[in-house]
Amino acid sequence: MIVLRRLSDALAAGDTVYAVIRGSAINNDGSDKVAFMAPSITGQARVIAAAHAAAGTVADTIGLVEAHGTATAIGDPMEIRALQEVFASTTRQEPCVVGSVKSNIGHTDTTAGIAGLIKAALCLHHRTFVPTLNYTRPNPEMGLDPRLFHVNTELTAWESAGPRRAGVSSFGIGGTNAHLVLEEAPPAPGHDDEPRAGQSEESLAVAPVAEQAVALPLSARSAQALRGQAERLAAHVRANPALAPADVGLSLATGRALFDHRAVLVGSGWEEFLTGLDAWRPAPPTPAWSAAWRTTPGTRCSSSPARARSGRAWAGNCWKPHGRSPPAWTSARRPSRRTSTGRCGTSSAHPTPASCGSGWTWYSPPAS
């Protein structure tokens, strides 16, 4: 999956940025192609040059080209010739690496361009060239110029004196051509720009990263079992403080079955999560459906609390997104009807359980 976001917004939010799209271009071969399904050297060369112009870069600075690379007798030679037409005027000292993810995973049809984009972004992020599998020698029809291009067959560190950049091509039936110019992401604010190539899994696991919001989902067959899961999770975290919240959240989200009783805790660090777990356990949800929000005592809440849809719960109007109070829990089963409104710490037509003093309020549906 690819998520696109304005670079300034991503950096401000502490997102992990894998690559920056500096420029892009699309065109169509039009009448230059000899048949509907035939490629055109001229059209492909033009789109690559246009992408470089949009990015404000020159071919000399491109270290990797993720080619469309369909391994066809006509397509690959024409693609290489188009690339060499654009790169011919470069004064580079080392050839540019060219390859295609299709040798690794096959042709993914309409998502082939996205697959190539993911590969190029990961190469930039890890500063590493990955091998093109099963390659032994170039198609003689390509006329591959070794001064301009090199097909990489081994995992190799990507060394560069300047910003690492990659080009990504995707060509479609009918003569549509697309090309992107990517650049490695700038270092996150407040973090050193340390090399990523050759890092071990251990070094990657402890590398400093900006705090990000993480969801820890729990699911059980009963409310009592759900509380037990929360208790066990808190105990496990205290016994293993080196665990990464994102890793635990991924395991809980993808490695556990979904049952009727569910809860999600959102936070950005173990201190915050443990505070939320400890605050939640003494006052569990009551009857068939309930929800908790972070609120200010005395604040009137919406009459339409979180609703469960496909196992997910969204907080209603009582959500208070600012501040660093304990993270908000939502726990839900599909309600038969909406609850009435109430005030924290006061009675209502349908009283809520226990206290609001800590900023937590539980709402239960009226008896059917």
Protein backbone atom coordinates (compact mmCIF):
# COMPACT_ATOMS: atom_id res chain seq x y z
CA MET A 1 0.00 0.00 0.00
CA ILE A 2 1.17 3.51 -0.85
CA VAL A 3 0.12 6.50 1.26
CA LEU A 4 0.75 9.94 -0.24
CA ARG A 5 1.00 13.00 1.97
CA ARG A 6 2.42 16.49 1.69
CA LEU A 7 6.04 16.25 2.86
CA SER A 8 5.78 19.11 5.36
CA ASP A 9 2.67 17.56 6.93
CA ALA A 10 4.28 14.11 7.11
CA LEU A 11 7.40 15.45 8.82
CA ALA A 12 5.37 17.53 11.26
CA ALA A 13 3.28 14.46 12.17
CA GLY A 14 6.36 12.29 12.69
CA ASP A 15 5.45 9.91 9.86
CA THR A 16 8.05 7.54 8.42
CA VAL A 17 8.77 8.95 4.97
CA TYR A 18 10.14 6.33 2.60
CA ALA A 19 10.72 8.58 -0.40
CA VAL A 20 9.78 11.94 -1.88
CA ILE A 21 8.17 12.23 -5.32
CA ARG A 22 10.05 15.13 -6.89
CA GLY A 23 8.32 15.05 -10.26
CA SER A 24 6.20 13.03 -12.64
CA ALA A 25 4.98 13.00 -16.22
CA ILE A 26 2.54 11.07 -18.39
CA ASN A 27 1.96 11.00 -22.14
CA ASN A 28 0.72 8.77 -24.93
CA ASP A 29 2.61 7.48 -27.93
CA GLY A 30 -0.24 8.52 -30.21
CA SER A 31 0.49 7.91 -33.87
CA ASP A 32 4.18 7.16 -33.17
CA LYS A 33 3.40 3.54 -32.31
CA VAL A 34 3.04 1.05 -35.16
CA ALA A 35 0.16 -0.80 -33.47
CA PHE A 36 -2.20 -0.38 -30.54
CA MET A 37 -0.17 -2.68 -28.27
CA ALA A 38 3.26 -1.67 -29.59
CA PRO A 39 5.53 0.68 -27.55
CA SER A 40 7.29 3.75 -28.90
CA ILE A 41 10.87 4.75 -28.16
CA THR A 42 10.07 8.40 -28.84
CA GLY A 43 7.08 8.48 -26.50
CA GLN A 44 8.95 6.78 -23.66
CA ALA A 45 12.01 9.02 -24.03
CA ARG A 46 9.81 12.10 -23.97
CA VAL A 47 7.98 11.11 -20.78
CA ILE A 48 11.24 10.36 -18.96
CA ALA A 49 12.74 13.69 -20.01
CA ALA A 50 9.53 15.50 -19.00
CA ALA A 51 9.61 13.89 -15.54
CA HIS A 52 13.22 15.01 -15.07
CA ALA A 53 12.24 18.55 -16.08
CA ALA A 54 9.28 18.53 -13.65
CA ALA A 55 11.56 17.31 -10.85
CA GLY A 56 14.29 19.84 -11.63
CA THR A 57 16.86 17.05 -11.93
CA VAL A 58 19.19 15.71 -14.61
CA ALA A 59 19.89 12.13 -15.57
CA ASP A 60 23.38 12.27 -14.02
CA THR A 61 21.82 12.27 -10.52
CA ILE A 62 19.60 9.21 -11.04
CA GLY A 63 21.15 6.13 -9.39
CA LEU A 64 18.36 3.63 -10.05
CA VAL A 65 15.78 3.14 -12.77
CA GLU A 66 12.93 0.78 -11.96
CA ALA A 67 11.98 -0.24 -15.47
CA HIS A 68 8.62 -1.46 -16.70
CA GLY A 69 10.62 -4.54 -17.80
CA THR A 70 8.07 -7.00 -19.14
CA ALA A 71 10.78 -9.34 -20.50
CA THR A 72 9.23 -9.28 -23.97
CA ALA A 73 11.26 -9.51 -27.15
CA ILE A 74 10.15 -6.06 -28.31
CA GLY A 75 9.28 -4.19 -25.13
CA ASP A 76 12.58 -4.43 -23.23
CA PRO A 77 14.87 -3.40 -26.14
CA MET A 78 12.68 -0.39 -26.89
CA GLU A 79 12.55 0.65 -23.23
CA ILE A 80 16.35 0.48 -22.87
CA ARG A 81 16.83 2.44 -26.08
CA ALA A 82 14.48 5.14 -24.80
CA LEU A 83 16.37 5.33 -21.50
CA GLN A 84 19.73 5.51 -23.26
CA GLU A 85 18.44 8.30 -25.46
CA VAL A 86 17.74 10.39 -22.35
CA PHE A 87 20.88 9.33 -20.44
CA ALA A 88 23.26 9.57 -23.42
CA SER A 89 24.34 13.12 -22.60
CA THR A 90 25.25 12.37 -18.98
CA THR A 91 28.78 12.69 -17.65
CA ARG A 92 28.30 10.13 -14.87
CA GLN A 93 31.26 8.22 -13.50
CA GLU A 94 29.31 5.06 -12.63
CA PRO A 95 26.50 3.38 -14.60
CA CYS A 96 22.95 3.70 -13.35
CA VAL A 97 21.40 0.55 -11.93
CA VAL A 98 18.41 -0.67 -13.94
CA GLY A 99 16.08 -3.51 -12.99
CA SER A 100 12.48 -4.57 -12.65
CA VAL A 101 10.54 -6.00 -9.70
CA LYS A 102 8.76 -8.31 -12.14
CA SER A 103 11.74 -10.66 -11.96
CA ASN A 104 11.00 -11.02 -8.24
CA ILE A 105 7.20 -11.19 -8.08
CA GLY A 106 5.95 -11.54 -11.65
CA HIS A 107 3.72 -9.16 -13.60
CA THR A 108 1.01 -7.69 -11.37
CA ASP A 109 -0.98 -6.32 -14.32
CA THR A 110 -2.76 -3.06 -13.43
CA THR A 111 -0.74 -2.69 -10.21
CA ALA A 112 2.65 -3.20 -11.89
CA GLY A 113 3.48 0.50 -11.61
CA ILE A 114 2.66 0.58 -7.88
CA ALA A 115 4.84 -2.50 -7.31
CA GLY A 116 7.75 -0.74 -9.01
CA LEU A 117 7.14 2.40 -6.95
CA ILE A 118 7.18 0.40 -3.70
CA LYS A 119 10.44 -1.31 -4.66
CA ALA A 120 12.15 1.97 -5.59
CA ALA A 121 10.94 3.68 -2.41
CA LEU A 122 12.26 0.84 -0.26
CA CYS A 123 15.62 0.91 -2.06
CA LEU A 124 15.88 4.62 -1.28
CA HIS A 125 14.78 4.14 2.31
CA HIS A 126 17.31 1.36 2.99
CA ARG A 127 19.95 2.86 0.68
CA THR A 128 20.37 -0.50 -0.97
CA PHE A 129 20.16 -1.95 -4.47
CA VAL A 130 18.27 -5.25 -4.52
CA PRO A 131 19.05 -7.91 -7.12
CA THR A 132 17.13 -8.54 -10.31
CA LEU A 133 16.56 -12.28 -10.07
CA ASN A 134 17.40 -14.84 -12.76
CA TYR A 135 19.40 -12.34 -14.83
CA THR A 136 22.51 -13.68 -16.54
CA ARG A 137 23.10 -11.51 -19.62
CA PRO A 138 21.28 -8.76 -21.51
CA ASN A 139 19.07 -9.34 -24.50
CA PRO A 140 21.43 -8.61 -27.42
CA GLU A 141 18.66 -6.63 -29.10
CA MET A 142 18.74 -4.07 -26.28
CA GLY A 143 22.19 -2.74 -27.11
CA LEU A 144 22.75 -2.10 -23.40
CA ASP A 145 25.54 0.48 -22.98
CA PRO A 146 27.60 -0.59 -19.92
CA ARG A 147 28.75 2.99 -19.42
CA LEU A 148 25.15 4.08 -18.84
CA PHE A 149 23.35 1.12 -17.26
CA HIS A 150 24.08 -1.91 -15.15
CA VAL A 151 21.69 -4.72 -14.14
CA ASN A 152 22.29 -5.44 -10.46
CA THR A 153 22.33 -9.12 -9.43
CA GLU A 154 23.45 -8.84 -5.79
CA LEU A 155 22.30 -6.99 -2.70
CA THR A 156 24.51 -3.90 -2.76
CA ALA A 157 24.84 -0.78 -0.62
CA TRP A 158 23.77 2.35 -2.48
CA GLU A 159 26.64 4.80 -2.16
CA SER A 160 26.06 8.36 -3.30
CA ALA A 161 27.78 11.72 -2.87
CA GLY A 162 24.47 13.56 -3.16
CA PRO A 163 20.78 12.84 -2.58
CA ARG A 164 19.84 9.38 -3.81
CA ARG A 165 17.32 9.49 -6.65
CA ALA A 166 15.42 6.88 -8.62
CA GLY A 167 13.22 6.83 -11.71
CA VAL A 168 10.16 4.59 -12.00
CA SER A 169 8.57 3.75 -15.36
CA SER A 170 5.18 2.24 -16.04
CA PHE A 171 3.87 1.73 -19.56
CA GLY A 172 0.39 0.60 -20.49
CA ILE A 173 -1.34 -1.03 -23.41
CA GLY A 174 -2.52 1.65 -25.82
CA GLY A 175 0.63 3.74 -25.60
CA THR A 176 0.18 5.42 -22.19
CA ASN A 177 3.53 6.14 -20.54
CA ALA A 178 4.24 7.31 -16.98
CA HIS A 179 7.49 8.12 -15.21
CA LEU A 180 8.25 9.30 -11.65
CA VAL A 181 11.42 10.76 -10.16
CA LEU A 182 11.88 9.85 -6.49
CA GLU A 183 14.37 11.20 -3.97
CA GLU A 184 15.37 9.82 -0.60
CA ALA A 185 13.52 11.35 2.33
CA PRO A 186 15.16 14.10 4.38
CA PRO A 187 16.13 13.16 7.94
CA ALA A 188 13.34 13.46 10.47
CA PRO A 189 13.53 16.61 12.62
CA GLY A 190 15.69 16.03 15.68
CA HIS A 191 17.28 12.81 14.36
CA ASP A 192 20.69 12.21 12.89
CA ASP A 193 20.89 11.16 9.26
CA GLU A 194 22.54 7.79 9.91
CA PRO A 195 23.23 5.29 7.10
CA ARG A 196 20.59 2.62 6.71
CA ALA A 197 22.40 0.27 4.34
CA GLY A 198 23.77 -2.85 6.04
CA GLN A 199 21.93 -2.28 9.30
CA SER A 200 21.03 -5.42 11.20
CA GLU A 201 17.49 -6.13 12.35
CA GLU A 202 18.60 -5.36 15.90
CA SER A 203 19.98 -1.95 14.96
CA LEU A 204 16.85 -1.12 13.01
CA ALA A 205 14.67 -2.12 15.95
CA VAL A 206 16.34 0.35 18.30
CA ALA A 207 16.87 3.17 15.81
CA PRO A 208 15.28 6.39 17.11
CA VAL A 209 11.97 7.23 15.48
CA ALA A 210 9.45 9.95 16.08
CA GLU A 211 6.53 9.05 18.32
CA GLN A 212 3.47 8.01 16.38
CA ALA A 213 -0.03 7.10 17.42
CA VAL A 214 -0.52 3.33 17.65
CA ALA A 215 -3.70 1.31 18.15
CA LEU A 216 -3.71 -1.78 20.39
CA PRO A 217 -6.84 -3.83 19.61
CA LEU A 218 -8.17 -6.51 21.94
CA SER A 219 -10.91 -9.04 21.26
CA ALA A 220 -12.54 -11.72 23.42
CA ARG A 221 -15.67 -13.85 23.77
CA SER A 222 -16.87 -12.08 26.92
CA ALA A 223 -16.39 -8.86 28.85
CA GLN A 224 -14.58 -10.77 31.59
CA ALA A 225 -12.19 -12.34 29.07
CA LEU A 226 -11.59 -8.92 27.54
CA ARG A 227 -10.59 -7.52 30.94
CA GLY A 228 -8.30 -10.51 31.39
CA GLN A 229 -6.60 -9.71 28.10
CA ALA A 230 -6.02 -6.13 29.21
CA GLU A 231 -4.48 -7.35 32.48
CA ARG A 232 -2.22 -9.84 30.70
CA LEU A 233 -1.15 -7.23 28.15
CA ALA A 234 -0.21 -4.78 30.91
CA ALA A 235 1.77 -7.47 32.74
CA HIS A 236 3.54 -8.54 29.54
CA VAL A 237 4.53 -4.97 28.68
CA ARG A 238 5.89 -4.35 32.17
CA ALA A 239 7.94 -7.53 31.92
CA ASN A 240 9.22 -6.64 28.42
CA PRO A 241 9.65 -2.86 28.29
CA ALA A 242 11.85 -3.05 25.17
CA LEU A 243 8.90 -4.11 22.99
CA ALA A 244 7.91 -1.59 20.33
CA PRO A 245 4.26 -0.48 20.57
CA ALA A 246 3.91 -0.62 16.78
CA ASP A 247 5.06 -4.26 16.72
CA VAL A 248 2.64 -5.24 19.48
CA GLY A 249 -0.19 -3.40 17.74
CA LEU A 250 0.52 -5.17 14.45
CA SER A 251 0.57 -8.58 16.14
CA LEU A 252 -2.70 -7.88 17.93
CA ALA A 253 -4.36 -6.61 14.75
CA THR A 254 -3.22 -9.38 12.39
CA GLY A 255 -2.49 -12.38 14.58
CA ARG A 256 -5.62 -12.65 16.70
CA ALA A 257 -9.15 -13.80 15.98
CA LEU A 258 -12.04 -11.33 16.15
CA PHE A 259 -14.77 -11.95 18.72
CA ASP A 260 -17.87 -10.06 19.83
CA HIS A 261 -16.28 -8.14 22.70
CA ARG A 262 -13.64 -5.71 21.43
CA ALA A 263 -11.66 -2.73 22.63
CA VAL A 264 -9.01 -0.45 21.15
CA LEU A 265 -6.52 1.63 23.07
CA VAL A 266 -4.80 4.46 21.19
CA GLY A 267 -1.56 6.00 22.36
CA SER A 268 2.08 6.66 21.46
CA GLY A 269 4.18 5.12 24.25
CA TRP A 270 4.09 2.42 26.91
CA GLU A 271 3.69 4.88 29.76
CA GLU A 272 0.55 6.21 28.11
CA PHE A 273 -0.73 2.73 27.25
CA LEU A 274 -0.18 1.39 30.77
CA THR A 275 -1.99 4.37 32.23
CA GLY A 276 -4.92 3.62 29.97
CA LEU A 277 -4.90 -0.10 30.73
CA ASP A 278 -4.81 0.50 34.47
CA ALA A 279 -7.56 3.11 34.24
CA TRP A 280 -9.79 0.86 32.15
CA ARG A 281 -9.61 -2.38 34.09
CA PRO A 282 -11.35 -1.27 37.33
CA ALA A 283 -14.41 0.06 35.43
CA PRO A 284 -15.18 -2.29 32.55
CA PRO A 285 -18.01 -1.72 30.07
CA THR A 286 -21.44 -2.79 31.24
CA PRO A 287 -24.40 -4.49 29.45
CA ALA A 288 -24.29 -5.35 25.78
CA TRP A 289 -22.77 -2.18 24.43
CA SER A 290 -20.83 0.69 25.93
CA ALA A 291 -18.17 3.20 25.03
CA ALA A 292 -15.63 5.35 26.86
CA TRP A 293 -14.32 8.72 25.87
CA ARG A 294 -11.75 11.08 27.28
CA THR A 295 -13.90 13.94 28.57
CA THR A 296 -13.82 16.86 30.93
CA PRO A 297 -16.00 16.38 34.04
CA GLY A 298 -19.32 18.17 33.57
CA THR A 299 -19.08 18.14 29.77
CA ARG A 300 -22.27 17.15 28.00
CA CYS A 301 -21.75 14.34 25.51
CA SER A 302 -23.32 13.50 22.17
CA SER A 303 -26.40 11.32 22.02
CA SER A 304 -24.73 9.29 19.27
CA PRO A 305 -21.68 7.53 20.72
CA ALA A 306 -19.21 5.34 18.87
CA ARG A 307 -20.87 2.85 16.56
CA ALA A 308 -19.40 -0.53 15.70
CA ARG A 309 -18.93 -1.21 12.04
CA SER A 310 -17.08 -4.25 10.77
CA GLY A 311 -15.21 -4.60 14.03
CA ARG A 312 -14.10 -0.97 14.20
CA ALA A 313 -15.34 1.72 16.57
CA TRP A 314 -15.20 5.46 16.06
CA ALA A 315 -15.39 7.92 18.94
CA GLY A 316 -18.24 10.44 18.95
CA ASN A 317 -18.35 14.11 19.86
CA CYS A 318 -16.90 13.59 23.33
CA TRP A 319 -13.43 12.83 21.96
CA LYS A 320 -10.91 15.34 23.22
CA PRO A 321 -7.97 15.13 20.78
CA HIS A 322 -5.62 17.55 22.55
CA GLY A 323 -3.64 17.16 25.73
CA ARG A 324 -1.76 14.14 27.03
CA SER A 325 -4.33 12.64 29.38
CA PRO A 326 -4.78 8.83 29.39
CA PRO A 327 -5.50 7.49 25.90
CA ALA A 328 -9.08 6.90 24.90
CA TRP A 329 -10.65 3.46 24.84
CA THR A 330 -13.59 2.46 22.75
CA SER A 331 -15.27 -0.86 23.30
CA ALA A 332 -18.33 -1.82 21.33
CA ARG A 333 -20.97 -4.29 20.33
CA ARG A 334 -23.58 -3.19 17.86
CA PRO A 335 -26.33 -1.35 19.81
CA SER A 336 -30.02 -1.92 19.35
CA ARG A 337 -30.57 1.84 19.62
CA ARG A 338 -28.79 4.99 20.70
CA THR A 339 -28.16 5.98 24.27
CA SER A 340 -29.45 9.12 25.88
CA THR A 341 -27.19 11.95 26.87
CA GLY A 342 -25.81 12.42 30.36
CA ARG A 343 -23.48 14.54 32.41
CA CYS A 344 -20.27 13.35 34.01
CA GLY A 345 -20.73 12.87 37.72
CA THR A 346 -24.46 13.64 37.65
CA SER A 347 -27.53 11.53 37.29
CA SER A 348 -29.57 11.22 34.11
CA ALA A 349 -32.43 9.19 32.78
CA HIS A 350 -29.98 6.32 32.38
CA PRO A 351 -27.19 6.76 34.98
CA THR A 352 -23.63 5.92 34.00
CA PRO A 353 -21.42 3.75 36.16
CA ALA A 354 -18.99 5.10 38.69
CA SER A 355 -16.78 8.13 38.52
CA CYS A 356 -15.85 10.77 36.00
CA GLY A 357 -13.14 12.25 38.14
CA SER A 358 -10.30 10.82 36.05
CA GLY A 359 -11.79 12.12 32.82
CA TRP A 360 -13.47 8.86 31.83
CA THR A 361 -17.17 8.26 31.27
CA TRP A 362 -18.90 5.00 30.45
CA TYR A 363 -22.25 5.05 28.67
CA SER A 364 -24.64 2.11 28.61
CA PRO A 365 -27.80 1.68 26.54
CA PRO A 366 -31.17 1.78 28.24
CA ALA A 367 -32.66 -1.55 29.12
CA SER A 368 -34.59 -3.04 26.20
